[in-house]
Amino acid sequence: MGLIDEAGLPIIDPIIGKKTPAQGASTIVFASASPLLDTVSGVYLMDNDIAPLNDEPRSLTDQSIPADAASHSIDPHSAKRLGI
C-alpha cells in the first residue's frame, strides 16, 4: 500500500493521508479539548476541523487514502434504523 519505503521506514505525506503518529493524534486531542466543539455533535473530524462531506466514490490506493465523511455516515434516519 505504499506505507513504507525500500528501507522499511514509514512514508509521511499528510497531503494524501499518510501522517506521523502525532499528526494522526492531533485531531483526537482537538476533539476532546477544543471549546469550539462544545455545542457540536454528530460530525466527523479531520485535520483539526469538521470533515467536509464528500459522496464521490474513491478507491483506497497508495496515493489516495479517503478520509472525508460521506453524507450517509451522519444520516439520523440510518442511525435510527441501525439502532444507534
Protein backbone atom coordinates (compact mmCIF):
# COMPACT_ATOMS: atom_id res chain seq x y z
CA MET A 1 0.00 0.00 0.00
CA GLY A 2 3.00 2.32 -0.21
CA LEU A 3 3.18 2.99 3.51
CA ILE A 4 6.88 2.17 3.88
CA ASP A 5 9.87 2.85 1.66
CA GLU A 6 12.57 0.44 0.48
CA ALA A 7 14.46 0.88 3.78
CA GLY A 8 11.37 -0.05 5.81
CA LEU A 9 10.76 3.50 7.01
CA PRO A 10 7.25 4.98 7.02
CA ILE A 11 6.37 7.32 4.17
CA ILE A 12 4.99 10.54 5.62
CA ASP A 13 2.85 12.61 3.25
CA PRO A 14 -0.05 14.33 5.05
CA ILE A 15 -1.47 15.65 1.76
CA ILE A 16 -2.54 12.13 0.79
CA GLY A 17 -3.34 10.93 4.32
CA LYS A 18 -0.02 9.43 5.44
CA LYS A 19 0.67 11.08 8.79
CA THR A 20 3.04 10.75 11.70
CA PRO A 21 1.51 9.38 14.90
CA ALA A 22 1.48 12.91 16.35
CA GLN A 23 -0.29 14.29 13.27
CA GLY A 24 -2.84 11.49 13.42
CA ALA A 25 -3.46 12.01 17.15
CA SER A 26 -3.83 15.79 16.95
CA THR A 27 -7.44 15.61 15.76
CA ILE A 28 -8.31 13.35 18.71
CA VAL A 29 -6.83 15.93 21.07
CA PHE A 30 -8.71 18.69 19.23
CA ALA A 31 -11.97 16.73 19.59
CA SER A 32 -11.52 16.24 23.31
CA ALA A 33 -10.20 19.66 24.28
CA SER A 34 -11.45 22.32 21.90
CA PRO A 35 -14.13 24.68 23.19
CA LEU A 36 -15.11 25.23 19.54
CA LEU A 37 -16.86 21.86 19.65
CA ASP A 38 -18.75 22.37 22.93
CA THR A 39 -22.11 22.68 21.15
CA VAL A 40 -21.34 20.50 18.12
CA SER A 41 -22.18 16.82 17.76
CA GLY A 42 -22.86 14.29 15.03
CA VAL A 43 -19.93 15.29 12.85
CA TYR A 44 -16.72 13.67 11.72
CA LEU A 45 -13.44 15.45 12.29
CA MET A 46 -10.37 15.60 10.09
CA ASP A 47 -7.18 17.65 10.34
CA ASN A 48 -8.37 19.52 13.45
CA ASP A 49 -11.62 20.64 11.84
CA ILE A 50 -15.04 19.33 10.89
CA ALA A 51 -14.62 17.00 7.92
CA PRO A 52 -16.29 18.07 4.71
CA LEU A 53 -18.98 15.79 3.30
CA ASN A 54 -17.86 14.07 0.13
CA ASP A 55 -20.03 11.43 -1.57
CA GLU A 56 -17.67 10.93 -4.51
CA PRO A 57 -16.54 7.27 -4.57
CA ARG A 58 -12.79 6.95 -4.10
CA SER A 59 -10.65 3.85 -4.03
CA LEU A 60 -8.02 3.22 -1.40
CA THR A 61 -4.61 3.34 -3.10
CA ASP A 62 -1.07 4.16 -2.07
CA GLN A 63 -1.60 7.71 -3.38
CA SER A 64 -5.14 8.25 -2.05
CA ILE A 65 -6.38 7.44 1.44
CA PRO A 66 -10.01 8.63 1.56
CA ALA A 67 -10.82 10.29 4.86
CA ASP A 68 -13.74 12.57 4.06
CA ALA A 69 -17.11 11.86 5.65
CA ALA A 70 -19.93 10.69 3.41
CA SER A 71 -23.41 12.14 3.94
CA HIS A 72 -24.86 8.70 4.70
CA SER A 73 -22.49 8.42 7.67
CA ILE A 74 -24.28 11.23 9.53
CA ASP A 75 -27.84 10.47 8.40
CA PRO A 76 -30.14 10.32 11.50
CA HIS A 77 -32.58 8.01 9.70
CA SER A 78 -29.83 5.49 9.02
CA ALA A 79 -28.63 5.68 12.62
CA LYS A 80 -32.16 5.07 13.92
CA ARG A 81 -32.61 2.16 11.52
CA LEU A 82 -29.39 0.62 12.85
CA GLY A 83 -30.46 1.18 16.46
CA ILE A 84 -27.73 3.71 17.19
